[in-house]
Amino acid sequence: MFYLPIGCLVALLFLLVLPVLFVLIFLNLVAFSFDQLGMSPETAIFILVATLFGSLINIPLTKKRVTYVDVTAFFGFFRVRRAQATGLAINLGGAIVPIAVSAYLLTQVPSLWQVLVTTALMAIITKLIARPVAGVGIVLPMFIPPILAAAFALILSYQFAAPCAYIAGTIGTLIGADILNLHKLQNLRGVASIGGAGVFDGIFLVGIVSVLLTALF
């Protein structure tokens, strides 16, 4: 008869539980971030679900055009004609949801000029550091935008740093990374999505992480 060592059972159990722990920690961080924005945990989870599932939905802004290109196959011996769609769309989870949340937060802040200045600074910086990647979209560094959004918000609007950081981080990133780079997006293959692809990760992380950072100071 064979016996499985207790250490192996503990390690296996740990590996099974670890993903659940990560999910619970992430959900608690999201709930805490939106609590700093004056929103309930239920609202935070609703926004999170809307963002995640909405990231799968791109709403067309321009008519999709289909062109055909010849590509080589089998080490260049054959040429295959493939369809290629181009157009401009806006992502539901990566753009519309954060815009809606930011619009609500704008009605809650006591002063607008600090938010506008912080958003403008974020737009300029994300315009400079964003880069287009074929097949992905606009890509941003993961931690620089939320750190800067939190820092600018704490400096310019300490009394309401959390909503300022969220608005400036998300809207500033959308303006700087996507809208100011539309000419680059349209040069990429495939449908260009505002707030979609790689920028979705950047925008979502900026909104959550920047609020967390303001809570630490």
N, C-alpha and C. Protein backbone atom coordinates (compact mmCIF):
# COMPACT_ATOMS: atom_id res chain seq x y z
N MET A 1 0.86 -1.19 0.00
CA MET A 1 0.00 0.00 0.00
C MET A 1 0.89 1.24 0.00
N PHE A 2 0.47 2.24 -0.81
CA PHE A 2 1.25 3.46 -0.93
C PHE A 2 0.53 4.59 -0.19
N TYR A 3 1.32 5.43 0.47
CA TYR A 3 0.77 6.57 1.21
C TYR A 3 1.37 7.86 0.63
N LEU A 4 0.48 8.81 0.36
CA LEU A 4 0.95 10.11 -0.15
C LEU A 4 1.46 10.94 1.02
N PRO A 5 2.69 11.41 0.96
CA PRO A 5 3.24 12.19 2.08
C PRO A 5 2.36 13.39 2.40
N ILE A 6 2.30 13.72 3.71
CA ILE A 6 1.49 14.85 4.15
C ILE A 6 1.96 16.14 3.48
N GLY A 7 3.26 16.28 3.29
CA GLY A 7 3.80 17.49 2.65
C GLY A 7 3.26 17.68 1.25
N CYS A 8 3.12 16.58 0.49
CA CYS A 8 2.58 16.68 -0.86
C CYS A 8 1.11 17.10 -0.84
N LEU A 9 0.36 16.57 0.14
CA LEU A 9 -1.05 16.95 0.25
C LEU A 9 -1.20 18.44 0.58
N VAL A 10 -0.35 18.91 1.47
CA VAL A 10 -0.39 20.34 1.83
C VAL A 10 -0.03 21.20 0.63
N ALA A 11 1.00 20.79 -0.12
CA ALA A 11 1.42 21.56 -1.30
C ALA A 11 0.33 21.58 -2.35
N LEU A 12 -0.33 20.41 -2.56
CA LEU A 12 -1.41 20.33 -3.54
C LEU A 12 -2.58 21.21 -3.14
N LEU A 13 -2.92 21.16 -1.85
CA LEU A 13 -4.01 21.99 -1.35
C LEU A 13 -3.68 23.47 -1.51
N PHE A 14 -2.44 23.82 -1.24
CA PHE A 14 -2.01 25.22 -1.38
C PHE A 14 -2.14 25.69 -2.82
N LEU A 15 -1.74 24.83 -3.78
CA LEU A 15 -1.84 25.19 -5.19
C LEU A 15 -3.29 25.36 -5.63
N LEU A 16 -4.18 24.57 -5.04
CA LEU A 16 -5.60 24.67 -5.39
C LEU A 16 -6.24 25.92 -4.78
N VAL A 17 -5.79 26.28 -3.59
CA VAL A 17 -6.39 27.41 -2.88
C VAL A 17 -5.80 28.74 -3.33
N LEU A 18 -4.56 28.72 -3.81
CA LEU A 18 -3.86 29.95 -4.16
C LEU A 18 -4.62 30.83 -5.16
N PRO A 19 -5.16 30.27 -6.27
CA PRO A 19 -5.93 31.14 -7.19
C PRO A 19 -7.14 31.79 -6.54
N VAL A 20 -7.80 31.03 -5.64
CA VAL A 20 -8.97 31.58 -4.94
C VAL A 20 -8.54 32.74 -4.05
N LEU A 21 -7.38 32.60 -3.38
CA LEU A 21 -6.88 33.67 -2.52
C LEU A 21 -6.57 34.91 -3.33
N PHE A 22 -5.96 34.73 -4.50
CA PHE A 22 -5.65 35.87 -5.36
C PHE A 22 -6.92 36.60 -5.78
N VAL A 23 -7.94 35.83 -6.15
CA VAL A 23 -9.22 36.43 -6.56
C VAL A 23 -9.84 37.20 -5.41
N LEU A 24 -9.84 36.62 -4.21
CA LEU A 24 -10.42 37.28 -3.04
C LEU A 24 -9.66 38.56 -2.69
N ILE A 25 -8.33 38.48 -2.75
CA ILE A 25 -7.52 39.67 -2.47
C ILE A 25 -7.81 40.76 -3.50
N PHE A 26 -7.88 40.36 -4.77
CA PHE A 26 -8.15 41.33 -5.84
C PHE A 26 -9.51 41.98 -5.65
N LEU A 27 -10.53 41.18 -5.33
CA LEU A 27 -11.87 41.72 -5.13
C LEU A 27 -11.91 42.68 -3.94
N ASN A 28 -11.17 42.34 -2.87
CA ASN A 28 -11.11 43.22 -1.72
C ASN A 28 -10.42 44.54 -2.05
N LEU A 29 -9.37 44.48 -2.86
CA LEU A 29 -8.68 45.70 -3.27
C LEU A 29 -9.59 46.57 -4.13
N VAL A 30 -10.34 45.94 -5.03
CA VAL A 30 -11.28 46.69 -5.87
C VAL A 30 -12.35 47.35 -5.01
N ALA A 31 -12.90 46.57 -4.06
CA ALA A 31 -13.94 47.11 -3.18
C ALA A 31 -13.38 48.26 -2.33
N PHE A 32 -12.15 48.12 -1.85
CA PHE A 32 -11.53 49.18 -1.04
C PHE A 32 -11.31 50.43 -1.88
N SER A 33 -10.86 50.25 -3.12
CA SER A 33 -10.61 51.40 -3.99
C SER A 33 -11.90 52.19 -4.23
N PHE A 34 -12.98 51.48 -4.55
CA PHE A 34 -14.23 52.17 -4.82
C PHE A 34 -14.86 52.72 -3.54
N ASP A 35 -14.52 52.11 -2.41
CA ASP A 35 -14.96 52.68 -1.13
C ASP A 35 -14.33 54.05 -0.92
N GLN A 36 -13.08 54.21 -1.34
CA GLN A 36 -12.42 55.50 -1.27
C GLN A 36 -13.09 56.53 -2.18
N LEU A 37 -13.80 56.04 -3.19
CA LEU A 37 -14.52 56.92 -4.10
C LEU A 37 -15.96 57.15 -3.65
N GLY A 38 -16.31 56.59 -2.49
CA GLY A 38 -17.65 56.78 -1.96
C GLY A 38 -18.68 55.83 -2.53
N MET A 39 -18.24 54.67 -3.05
CA MET A 39 -19.14 53.71 -3.65
C MET A 39 -19.19 52.44 -2.80
N SER A 40 -20.32 51.77 -2.80
CA SER A 40 -20.50 50.56 -2.01
C SER A 40 -19.78 49.38 -2.65
N PRO A 41 -19.52 48.31 -1.87
CA PRO A 41 -18.89 47.10 -2.44
C PRO A 41 -19.72 46.50 -3.57
N GLU A 42 -21.05 46.56 -3.44
CA GLU A 42 -21.91 46.02 -4.51
C GLU A 42 -21.71 46.79 -5.81
N THR A 43 -21.61 48.12 -5.69
CA THR A 43 -21.37 48.95 -6.88
C THR A 43 -20.00 48.64 -7.47
N ALA A 44 -19.01 48.44 -6.61
CA ALA A 44 -17.66 48.13 -7.09
C ALA A 44 -17.64 46.83 -7.87
N ILE A 45 -18.30 45.80 -7.36
CA ILE A 45 -18.33 44.51 -8.06
C ILE A 45 -19.08 44.64 -9.38
N PHE A 46 -20.17 45.41 -9.37
CA PHE A 46 -20.93 45.62 -10.61
C PHE A 46 -20.06 46.30 -11.67
N ILE A 47 -19.31 47.33 -11.25
CA ILE A 47 -18.43 48.03 -12.20
C ILE A 47 -17.33 47.10 -12.69
N LEU A 48 -16.78 46.28 -11.79
CA LEU A 48 -15.73 45.33 -12.17
C LEU A 48 -16.26 44.34 -13.21
N VAL A 49 -17.43 43.76 -12.95
CA VAL A 49 -18.02 42.80 -13.89
C VAL A 49 -18.33 43.48 -15.22
N ALA A 50 -18.88 44.69 -15.17
CA ALA A 50 -19.19 45.42 -16.39
C ALA A 50 -17.93 45.73 -17.18
N THR A 51 -16.85 46.03 -16.47
CA THR A 51 -15.58 46.31 -17.14
C THR A 51 -15.00 45.07 -17.80
N LEU A 52 -14.99 43.96 -17.06
CA LEU A 52 -14.39 42.73 -17.59
C LEU A 52 -15.18 42.19 -18.78
N PHE A 53 -16.50 42.07 -18.63
CA PHE A 53 -17.30 41.56 -19.73
C PHE A 53 -17.42 42.59 -20.85
N GLY A 54 -17.44 43.86 -20.47
CA GLY A 54 -17.52 44.90 -21.49
C GLY A 54 -16.28 44.99 -22.34
N SER A 55 -15.15 44.51 -21.82
CA SER A 55 -13.92 44.55 -22.61
C SER A 55 -14.02 43.65 -23.84
N LEU A 56 -14.99 42.75 -23.85
CA LEU A 56 -15.19 41.86 -25.00
C LEU A 56 -16.04 42.51 -26.10
N ILE A 57 -16.59 43.69 -25.80
CA ILE A 57 -17.53 44.33 -26.72
C ILE A 57 -16.92 45.61 -27.29
N ASN A 58 -16.79 45.67 -28.60
CA ASN A 58 -16.34 46.86 -29.29
C ASN A 58 -17.50 47.44 -30.10
N ILE A 59 -17.84 48.69 -29.83
CA ILE A 59 -18.93 49.36 -30.53
C ILE A 59 -18.35 50.12 -31.72
N PRO A 60 -18.77 49.79 -32.95
CA PRO A 60 -18.19 50.45 -34.14
C PRO A 60 -18.49 51.95 -34.16
N LEU A 61 -17.49 52.73 -34.50
CA LEU A 61 -17.65 54.17 -34.69
C LEU A 61 -17.60 54.55 -36.16
N THR A 62 -16.89 53.77 -36.93
CA THR A 62 -16.84 53.98 -38.38
C THR A 62 -17.19 52.67 -39.07
N LYS A 63 -17.56 52.77 -40.31
CA LYS A 63 -17.93 51.58 -41.06
C LYS A 63 -16.71 50.69 -41.28
N LYS A 64 -16.89 49.42 -40.98
CA LYS A 64 -15.79 48.46 -41.15
C LYS A 64 -15.53 48.22 -42.63
N ARG A 65 -14.27 48.31 -43.02
CA ARG A 65 -13.89 48.05 -44.40
C ARG A 65 -13.10 46.74 -44.47
N VAL A 66 -13.44 45.94 -45.42
CA VAL A 66 -12.76 44.65 -45.60
C VAL A 66 -11.91 44.72 -46.86
N THR A 67 -10.63 44.49 -46.69
CA THR A 67 -9.71 44.43 -47.83
C THR A 67 -9.06 43.05 -47.86
N TYR A 68 -8.46 42.73 -48.96
CA TYR A 68 -7.84 41.42 -49.13
C TYR A 68 -6.36 41.60 -49.41
N VAL A 69 -5.57 40.86 -48.68
CA VAL A 69 -4.12 40.94 -48.83
C VAL A 69 -3.57 39.55 -49.15
N ASP A 70 -2.47 39.54 -49.88
CA ASP A 70 -1.81 38.29 -50.22
C ASP A 70 -0.68 38.03 -49.23
N VAL A 71 -0.70 36.87 -48.61
CA VAL A 71 0.35 36.49 -47.66
C VAL A 71 0.98 35.19 -48.14
N THR A 72 2.25 35.02 -47.79
CA THR A 72 2.96 33.81 -48.20
C THR A 72 2.73 32.70 -47.21
N ALA A 73 2.75 31.48 -47.69
CA ALA A 73 2.55 30.30 -46.84
C ALA A 73 3.47 29.19 -47.31
N PHE A 74 3.72 28.25 -46.40
CA PHE A 74 4.56 27.09 -46.67
C PHE A 74 5.92 27.51 -47.21
N PHE A 75 6.62 28.30 -46.36
CA PHE A 75 8.00 28.73 -46.64
C PHE A 75 8.09 29.56 -47.92
N GLY A 76 7.02 30.31 -48.23
CA GLY A 76 7.06 31.20 -49.37
C GLY A 76 6.73 30.58 -50.71
N PHE A 77 6.37 29.30 -50.73
CA PHE A 77 6.08 28.65 -52.00
C PHE A 77 4.68 28.99 -52.52
N PHE A 78 3.78 29.32 -51.60
CA PHE A 78 2.41 29.61 -52.01
C PHE A 78 1.99 30.98 -51.48
N ARG A 79 1.06 31.60 -52.19
CA ARG A 79 0.48 32.87 -51.76
C ARG A 79 -1.01 32.66 -51.50
N VAL A 80 -1.44 33.10 -50.31
CA VAL A 80 -2.83 32.92 -49.90
C VAL A 80 -3.50 34.28 -49.76
N ARG A 81 -4.71 34.40 -50.25
CA ARG A 81 -5.45 35.65 -50.17
C ARG A 81 -6.33 35.63 -48.92
N ARG A 82 -6.11 36.59 -48.03
CA ARG A 82 -6.85 36.63 -46.78
C ARG A 82 -7.60 37.96 -46.62
N ALA A 83 -8.77 37.88 -45.98
CA ALA A 83 -9.56 39.09 -45.70
C ALA A 83 -8.99 39.80 -44.48
N GLN A 84 -9.01 41.13 -44.53
CA GLN A 84 -8.50 41.93 -43.43
C GLN A 84 -9.47 43.09 -43.19
N ALA A 85 -10.06 43.14 -41.98
CA ALA A 85 -11.02 44.19 -41.65
C ALA A 85 -10.31 45.36 -40.98
N THR A 86 -10.70 46.57 -41.33
CA THR A 86 -10.18 47.78 -40.71
C THR A 86 -11.34 48.68 -40.32
N GLY A 87 -11.14 49.50 -39.31
CA GLY A 87 -12.18 50.40 -38.85
C GLY A 87 -11.85 50.92 -37.47
N LEU A 88 -12.74 51.74 -36.93
CA LEU A 88 -12.55 52.33 -35.61
C LEU A 88 -13.73 51.99 -34.72
N ALA A 89 -13.44 51.56 -33.48
CA ALA A 89 -14.49 51.20 -32.54
C ALA A 89 -14.11 51.73 -31.16
N ILE A 90 -15.07 51.71 -30.24
CA ILE A 90 -14.82 52.08 -28.85
C ILE A 90 -15.20 50.91 -27.97
N ASN A 91 -14.32 50.58 -27.03
CA ASN A 91 -14.52 49.42 -26.18
C ASN A 91 -15.44 49.75 -25.01
N LEU A 92 -16.42 48.89 -24.76
CA LEU A 92 -17.40 49.14 -23.70
C LEU A 92 -16.74 49.13 -22.32
N GLY A 93 -15.97 48.08 -22.02
CA GLY A 93 -15.37 47.98 -20.69
C GLY A 93 -14.17 48.87 -20.50
N GLY A 94 -13.39 49.07 -21.56
CA GLY A 94 -12.15 49.83 -21.43
C GLY A 94 -12.30 51.32 -21.62
N ALA A 95 -13.44 51.77 -22.14
CA ALA A 95 -13.62 53.21 -22.38
C ALA A 95 -14.94 53.73 -21.82
N ILE A 96 -16.06 53.14 -22.24
CA ILE A 96 -17.36 53.69 -21.87
C ILE A 96 -17.61 53.57 -20.36
N VAL A 97 -17.29 52.41 -19.77
CA VAL A 97 -17.52 52.23 -18.33
C VAL A 97 -16.69 53.22 -17.51
N PRO A 98 -15.36 53.33 -17.73
CA PRO A 98 -14.61 54.32 -16.94
C PRO A 98 -15.03 55.76 -17.20
N ILE A 99 -15.47 56.06 -18.43
CA ILE A 99 -15.97 57.41 -18.71
C ILE A 99 -17.22 57.68 -17.88
N ALA A 100 -18.12 56.69 -17.81
CA ALA A 100 -19.34 56.85 -17.02
C ALA A 100 -19.03 57.03 -15.54
N VAL A 101 -18.09 56.23 -15.01
CA VAL A 101 -17.70 56.36 -13.60
C VAL A 101 -17.07 57.73 -13.35
N SER A 102 -16.22 58.16 -14.26
CA SER A 102 -15.56 59.46 -14.11
C SER A 102 -16.57 60.60 -14.19
N ALA A 103 -17.57 60.47 -15.06
CA ALA A 103 -18.61 61.50 -15.17
C ALA A 103 -19.37 61.63 -13.85
N TYR A 104 -19.65 60.49 -13.23
CA TYR A 104 -20.32 60.53 -11.92
C TYR A 104 -19.43 61.19 -10.87
N LEU A 105 -18.14 60.82 -10.85
CA LEU A 105 -17.23 61.38 -9.85
C LEU A 105 -17.04 62.88 -10.03
N LEU A 106 -17.14 63.35 -11.27
CA LEU A 106 -17.02 64.79 -11.52
C LEU A 106 -18.11 65.57 -10.80
N THR A 107 -19.25 64.96 -10.62
CA THR A 107 -20.34 65.64 -9.91
C THR A 107 -20.13 65.63 -8.41
N GLN A 108 -19.16 64.86 -7.93
CA GLN A 108 -18.93 64.73 -6.49
C GLN A 108 -17.75 65.56 -5.98
N VAL A 109 -16.85 65.97 -6.87
CA VAL A 109 -15.67 66.72 -6.43
C VAL A 109 -16.05 68.17 -6.16
N PRO A 110 -15.43 68.81 -5.14
CA PRO A 110 -15.78 70.19 -4.80
C PRO A 110 -15.21 71.24 -5.75
N SER A 111 -14.17 70.86 -6.50
CA SER A 111 -13.53 71.81 -7.41
C SER A 111 -13.07 71.08 -8.66
N LEU A 112 -13.20 71.72 -9.82
CA LEU A 112 -12.89 71.05 -11.07
C LEU A 112 -11.51 71.37 -11.63
N TRP A 113 -10.95 72.54 -11.30
CA TRP A 113 -9.72 72.93 -11.98
C TRP A 113 -8.57 71.98 -11.68
N GLN A 114 -8.50 71.48 -10.43
CA GLN A 114 -7.44 70.52 -10.11
C GLN A 114 -7.58 69.24 -10.93
N VAL A 115 -8.79 68.80 -11.10
CA VAL A 115 -9.04 67.58 -11.89
C VAL A 115 -8.65 67.82 -13.35
N LEU A 116 -9.01 68.98 -13.89
CA LEU A 116 -8.69 69.28 -15.28
C LEU A 116 -7.19 69.37 -15.51
N VAL A 117 -6.48 70.00 -14.59
CA VAL A 117 -5.02 70.13 -14.72
C VAL A 117 -4.37 68.75 -14.62
N THR A 118 -4.79 67.95 -13.66
CA THR A 118 -4.22 66.61 -13.49
C THR A 118 -4.51 65.74 -14.70
N THR A 119 -5.71 65.84 -15.23
CA THR A 119 -6.07 65.07 -16.43
C THR A 119 -5.22 65.49 -17.62
N ALA A 120 -5.01 66.80 -17.77
CA ALA A 120 -4.17 67.29 -18.88
C ALA A 120 -2.74 66.79 -18.75
N LEU A 121 -2.20 66.80 -17.53
CA LEU A 121 -0.84 66.28 -17.32
C LEU A 121 -0.75 64.80 -17.67
N MET A 122 -1.76 64.04 -17.26
CA MET A 122 -1.76 62.61 -17.56
C MET A 122 -1.89 62.36 -19.05
N ALA A 123 -2.69 63.17 -19.74
CA ALA A 123 -2.85 63.01 -21.18
C ALA A 123 -1.52 63.24 -21.90
N ILE A 124 -0.80 64.28 -21.48
CA ILE A 124 0.50 64.58 -22.11
C ILE A 124 1.49 63.46 -21.88
N ILE A 125 1.57 62.97 -20.64
CA ILE A 125 2.55 61.93 -20.32
C ILE A 125 2.23 60.62 -21.01
N THR A 126 0.95 60.20 -20.97
CA THR A 126 0.60 58.93 -21.61
C THR A 126 0.75 59.02 -23.13
N LYS A 127 0.56 60.21 -23.69
CA LYS A 127 0.80 60.39 -25.13
C LYS A 127 2.27 60.11 -25.46
N LEU A 128 3.16 60.54 -24.57
CA LEU A 128 4.59 60.38 -24.81
C LEU A 128 5.07 58.94 -24.61
N ILE A 129 4.48 58.21 -23.64
CA ILE A 129 5.00 56.88 -23.32
C ILE A 129 4.23 55.75 -24.01
N ALA A 130 3.08 56.05 -24.60
CA ALA A 130 2.30 55.00 -25.26
C ALA A 130 2.95 54.63 -26.59
N ARG A 131 2.81 53.37 -26.96
CA ARG A 131 3.35 52.93 -28.24
C ARG A 131 2.39 51.92 -28.88
N PRO A 132 2.19 52.05 -30.19
CA PRO A 132 1.30 51.11 -30.89
C PRO A 132 2.00 49.79 -31.18
N VAL A 133 1.28 48.70 -31.01
CA VAL A 133 1.80 47.37 -31.30
C VAL A 133 0.80 46.67 -32.21
N ALA A 134 1.26 46.21 -33.36
CA ALA A 134 0.38 45.55 -34.32
C ALA A 134 -0.25 44.31 -33.71
N GLY A 135 -1.56 44.18 -33.88
CA GLY A 135 -2.29 43.04 -33.36
C GLY A 135 -2.69 43.16 -31.91
N VAL A 136 -2.22 44.22 -31.23
CA VAL A 136 -2.55 44.43 -29.82
C VAL A 136 -3.27 45.75 -29.62
N GLY A 137 -2.70 46.83 -30.14
CA GLY A 137 -3.25 48.16 -29.94
C GLY A 137 -2.20 49.06 -29.31
N ILE A 138 -2.66 49.99 -28.46
CA ILE A 138 -1.74 50.88 -27.76
C ILE A 138 -1.34 50.24 -26.44
N VAL A 139 -0.03 50.19 -26.20
CA VAL A 139 0.51 49.54 -25.00
C VAL A 139 1.14 50.60 -24.11
N LEU A 140 0.89 50.48 -22.79
CA LEU A 140 1.43 51.40 -21.80
C LEU A 140 2.23 50.64 -20.76
N PRO A 141 3.24 51.28 -20.15
CA PRO A 141 3.89 50.67 -18.99
C PRO A 141 2.87 50.47 -17.88
N MET A 142 3.03 49.43 -17.11
CA MET A 142 1.98 49.04 -16.15
C MET A 142 1.88 50.00 -14.96
N PHE A 143 3.00 50.44 -14.40
CA PHE A 143 2.96 51.15 -13.12
C PHE A 143 3.17 52.66 -13.22
N ILE A 144 3.78 53.15 -14.28
CA ILE A 144 4.06 54.59 -14.36
C ILE A 144 2.80 55.44 -14.34
N PRO A 145 1.76 55.16 -15.17
CA PRO A 145 0.56 56.01 -15.15
C PRO A 145 -0.15 56.07 -13.80
N PRO A 146 -0.41 54.94 -13.10
CA PRO A 146 -1.10 55.07 -11.81
C PRO A 146 -0.27 55.80 -10.76
N ILE A 147 1.04 55.61 -10.77
CA ILE A 147 1.89 56.31 -9.81
C ILE A 147 1.82 57.82 -10.04
N LEU A 148 1.90 58.21 -11.32
CA LEU A 148 1.86 59.64 -11.65
C LEU A 148 0.48 60.23 -11.37
N ALA A 149 -0.58 59.47 -11.70
CA ALA A 149 -1.94 59.96 -11.44
C ALA A 149 -2.14 60.20 -9.95
N ALA A 150 -1.69 59.26 -9.12
CA ALA A 150 -1.82 59.41 -7.67
C ALA A 150 -0.98 60.58 -7.17
N ALA A 151 0.25 60.71 -7.69
CA ALA A 151 1.14 61.78 -7.23
C ALA A 151 0.57 63.16 -7.58
N PHE A 152 0.12 63.32 -8.82
CA PHE A 152 -0.46 64.61 -9.22
C PHE A 152 -1.71 64.93 -8.42
N ALA A 153 -2.54 63.92 -8.17
CA ALA A 153 -3.77 64.14 -7.41
C ALA A 153 -3.47 64.55 -5.97
N LEU A 154 -2.48 63.90 -5.37
CA LEU A 154 -2.12 64.24 -3.99
C LEU A 154 -1.53 65.64 -3.89
N ILE A 155 -0.81 66.05 -4.91
CA ILE A 155 -0.20 67.38 -4.89
C ILE A 155 -1.23 68.47 -5.15
N LEU A 156 -2.08 68.25 -6.14
CA LEU A 156 -3.01 69.31 -6.58
C LEU A 156 -4.35 69.28 -5.86
N SER A 157 -4.76 68.12 -5.37
CA SER A 157 -6.09 68.03 -4.76
C SER A 157 -6.08 67.04 -3.61
N TYR A 158 -5.33 67.36 -2.58
CA TYR A 158 -5.14 66.41 -1.48
C TYR A 158 -6.45 66.07 -0.78
N GLN A 159 -7.36 67.02 -0.69
CA GLN A 159 -8.62 66.81 0.03
C GLN A 159 -9.54 65.83 -0.68
N PHE A 160 -9.42 65.70 -1.99
CA PHE A 160 -10.23 64.74 -2.75
C PHE A 160 -9.35 64.03 -3.77
N ALA A 161 -8.23 63.50 -3.27
CA ALA A 161 -7.22 62.90 -4.15
C ALA A 161 -7.73 61.64 -4.86
N ALA A 162 -8.52 60.82 -4.18
CA ALA A 162 -8.96 59.56 -4.77
C ALA A 162 -9.79 59.75 -6.04
N PRO A 163 -10.88 60.54 -6.01
CA PRO A 163 -11.64 60.73 -7.25
C PRO A 163 -10.84 61.47 -8.32
N CYS A 164 -9.99 62.40 -7.90
CA CYS A 164 -9.16 63.11 -8.87
C CYS A 164 -8.21 62.16 -9.57
N ALA A 165 -7.59 61.26 -8.80
CA ALA A 165 -6.66 60.28 -9.38
C ALA A 165 -7.37 59.35 -10.35
N TYR A 166 -8.57 58.91 -9.97
CA TYR A 166 -9.31 58.00 -10.86
C TYR A 166 -9.68 58.70 -12.16
N ILE A 167 -10.24 59.90 -12.05
CA ILE A 167 -10.67 60.63 -13.25
C ILE A 167 -9.48 60.95 -14.14
N ALA A 168 -8.45 61.54 -13.55
CA ALA A 168 -7.29 61.94 -14.32
C ALA A 168 -6.58 60.73 -14.92
N GLY A 169 -6.50 59.64 -14.14
CA GLY A 169 -5.82 58.46 -14.65
C GLY A 169 -6.54 57.82 -15.81
N THR A 170 -7.84 57.60 -15.66
CA THR A 170 -8.59 56.91 -16.72
C THR A 170 -8.83 57.81 -17.93
N ILE A 171 -9.37 59.00 -17.70
CA ILE A 171 -9.67 59.90 -18.82
C ILE A 171 -8.39 60.41 -19.46
N GLY A 172 -7.40 60.74 -18.63
CA GLY A 172 -6.12 61.18 -19.18
C GLY A 172 -5.46 60.12 -20.04
N THR A 173 -5.56 58.87 -19.61
CA THR A 173 -4.99 57.77 -20.39
C THR A 173 -5.74 57.57 -21.69
N LEU A 174 -7.06 57.64 -21.63
CA LEU A 174 -7.86 57.49 -22.85
C LEU A 174 -7.52 58.59 -23.86
N ILE A 175 -7.43 59.82 -23.36
CA ILE A 175 -7.13 60.94 -24.27
C ILE A 175 -5.71 60.82 -24.81
N GLY A 176 -4.75 60.65 -23.89
CA GLY A 176 -3.36 60.66 -24.31
C GLY A 176 -2.94 59.44 -25.10
N ALA A 177 -3.31 58.26 -24.61
CA ALA A 177 -2.85 57.02 -25.24
C ALA A 177 -3.65 56.68 -26.50
N ASP A 178 -4.96 56.85 -26.44
CA ASP A 178 -5.80 56.43 -27.57
C ASP A 178 -6.17 57.56 -28.51
N ILE A 179 -6.89 58.55 -28.00
CA ILE A 179 -7.44 59.58 -28.88
C ILE A 179 -6.34 60.37 -29.58
N LEU A 180 -5.29 60.74 -28.86
CA LEU A 180 -4.19 61.48 -29.48
C LEU A 180 -3.29 60.59 -30.34
N ASN A 181 -3.55 59.29 -30.31
CA ASN A 181 -2.78 58.37 -31.16
C ASN A 181 -3.67 57.67 -32.18
N LEU A 182 -4.83 58.27 -32.47
CA LEU A 182 -5.75 57.64 -33.43
C LEU A 182 -5.09 57.45 -34.79
N HIS A 183 -4.27 58.40 -35.19
CA HIS A 183 -3.61 58.27 -36.50
C HIS A 183 -2.69 57.06 -36.53
N LYS A 184 -2.09 56.72 -35.38
CA LYS A 184 -1.24 55.52 -35.31
C LYS A 184 -2.09 54.26 -35.25
N LEU A 185 -3.21 54.33 -34.52
CA LEU A 185 -4.11 53.18 -34.44
C LEU A 185 -4.64 52.79 -35.80
N GLN A 186 -5.00 53.80 -36.59
CA GLN A 186 -5.59 53.53 -37.89
C GLN A 186 -4.58 52.95 -38.87
N ASN A 187 -3.30 53.12 -38.57
CA ASN A 187 -2.26 52.54 -39.42
C ASN A 187 -1.97 51.09 -39.09
N LEU A 188 -2.51 50.61 -37.95
CA LEU A 188 -2.31 49.22 -37.57
C LEU A 188 -3.30 48.32 -38.30
N ARG A 189 -2.94 47.07 -38.47
CA ARG A 189 -3.85 46.12 -39.08
C ARG A 189 -4.98 45.77 -38.11
N GLY A 190 -6.15 45.57 -38.66
CA GLY A 190 -7.29 45.18 -37.86
C GLY A 190 -8.11 46.38 -37.42
N VAL A 191 -9.13 46.10 -36.62
CA VAL A 191 -10.02 47.15 -36.11
C VAL A 191 -9.37 47.84 -34.93
N ALA A 192 -9.23 49.16 -35.01
CA ALA A 192 -8.65 49.94 -33.91
C ALA A 192 -9.73 50.23 -32.88
N SER A 193 -9.47 49.87 -31.63
CA SER A 193 -10.47 50.01 -30.57
C SER A 193 -9.99 50.99 -29.51
N ILE A 194 -10.74 52.07 -29.30
CA ILE A 194 -10.43 53.04 -28.25
C ILE A 194 -10.73 52.40 -26.90
N GLY A 195 -9.72 52.28 -26.07
CA GLY A 195 -9.90 51.66 -24.77
C GLY A 195 -9.82 50.15 -24.79
N GLY A 196 -9.60 49.58 -25.94
CA GLY A 196 -9.53 48.12 -26.04
C GLY A 196 -8.11 47.62 -26.07
N ALA A 197 -7.97 46.30 -26.20
CA ALA A 197 -6.67 45.63 -26.30
C ALA A 197 -5.78 45.98 -25.12
N GLY A 198 -4.53 46.39 -25.42
CA GLY A 198 -3.58 46.63 -24.35
C GLY A 198 -3.94 47.80 -23.45
N VAL A 199 -4.63 48.79 -24.01
CA VAL A 199 -4.97 49.96 -23.22
C VAL A 199 -5.99 49.63 -22.15
N PHE A 200 -6.81 48.62 -22.40
CA PHE A 200 -7.78 48.22 -21.36
C PHE A 200 -7.06 47.91 -20.06
N ASP A 201 -5.98 47.14 -20.16
CA ASP A 201 -5.23 46.80 -18.96
C ASP A 201 -4.70 48.06 -18.28
N GLY A 202 -4.13 48.97 -19.11
CA GLY A 202 -3.56 50.19 -18.55
C GLY A 202 -4.61 51.04 -17.87
N ILE A 203 -5.74 51.26 -18.53
CA ILE A 203 -6.79 52.11 -17.98
C ILE A 203 -7.37 51.51 -16.71
N PHE A 204 -7.65 50.23 -16.73
CA PHE A 204 -8.24 49.59 -15.55
C PHE A 204 -7.28 49.65 -14.36
N LEU A 205 -6.02 49.34 -14.60
CA LEU A 205 -5.03 49.37 -13.52
C LEU A 205 -4.79 50.78 -13.01
N VAL A 206 -4.78 51.76 -13.91
CA VAL A 206 -4.59 53.14 -13.48
C VAL A 206 -5.70 53.54 -12.53
N GLY A 207 -6.95 53.23 -12.89
CA GLY A 207 -8.08 53.61 -12.06
C GLY A 207 -8.02 52.99 -10.67
N ILE A 208 -7.72 51.70 -10.60
CA ILE A 208 -7.71 51.00 -9.31
C ILE A 208 -6.45 51.32 -8.50
N VAL A 209 -5.29 51.19 -9.13
CA VAL A 209 -4.03 51.35 -8.41
C VAL A 209 -3.81 52.79 -7.96
N SER A 210 -4.18 53.75 -8.79
CA SER A 210 -3.98 55.15 -8.39
C SER A 210 -4.80 55.49 -7.16
N VAL A 211 -6.04 54.98 -7.06
CA VAL A 211 -6.84 55.23 -5.88
C VAL A 211 -6.22 54.55 -4.66
N LEU A 212 -5.72 53.33 -4.83
CA LEU A 212 -5.05 52.65 -3.72
C LEU A 212 -3.85 53.43 -3.23
N LEU A 213 -3.09 53.98 -4.16
CA LEU A 213 -1.90 54.74 -3.78
C LEU A 213 -2.26 56.01 -3.01
N THR A 214 -3.35 56.66 -3.43
CA THR A 214 -3.74 57.88 -2.68
C THR A 214 -4.18 57.54 -1.26
N ALA A 215 -4.70 56.34 -1.05
CA ALA A 215 -5.14 55.95 0.29
C ALA A 215 -3.96 55.67 1.22
N LEU A 216 -2.78 55.43 0.64
CA LEU A 216 -1.61 55.12 1.46
C LEU A 216 -0.93 56.37 2.02
N PHE A 217 -1.31 57.53 1.49
CA PHE A 217 -0.60 58.77 1.90
C PHE A 217 -1.56 59.76 2.52
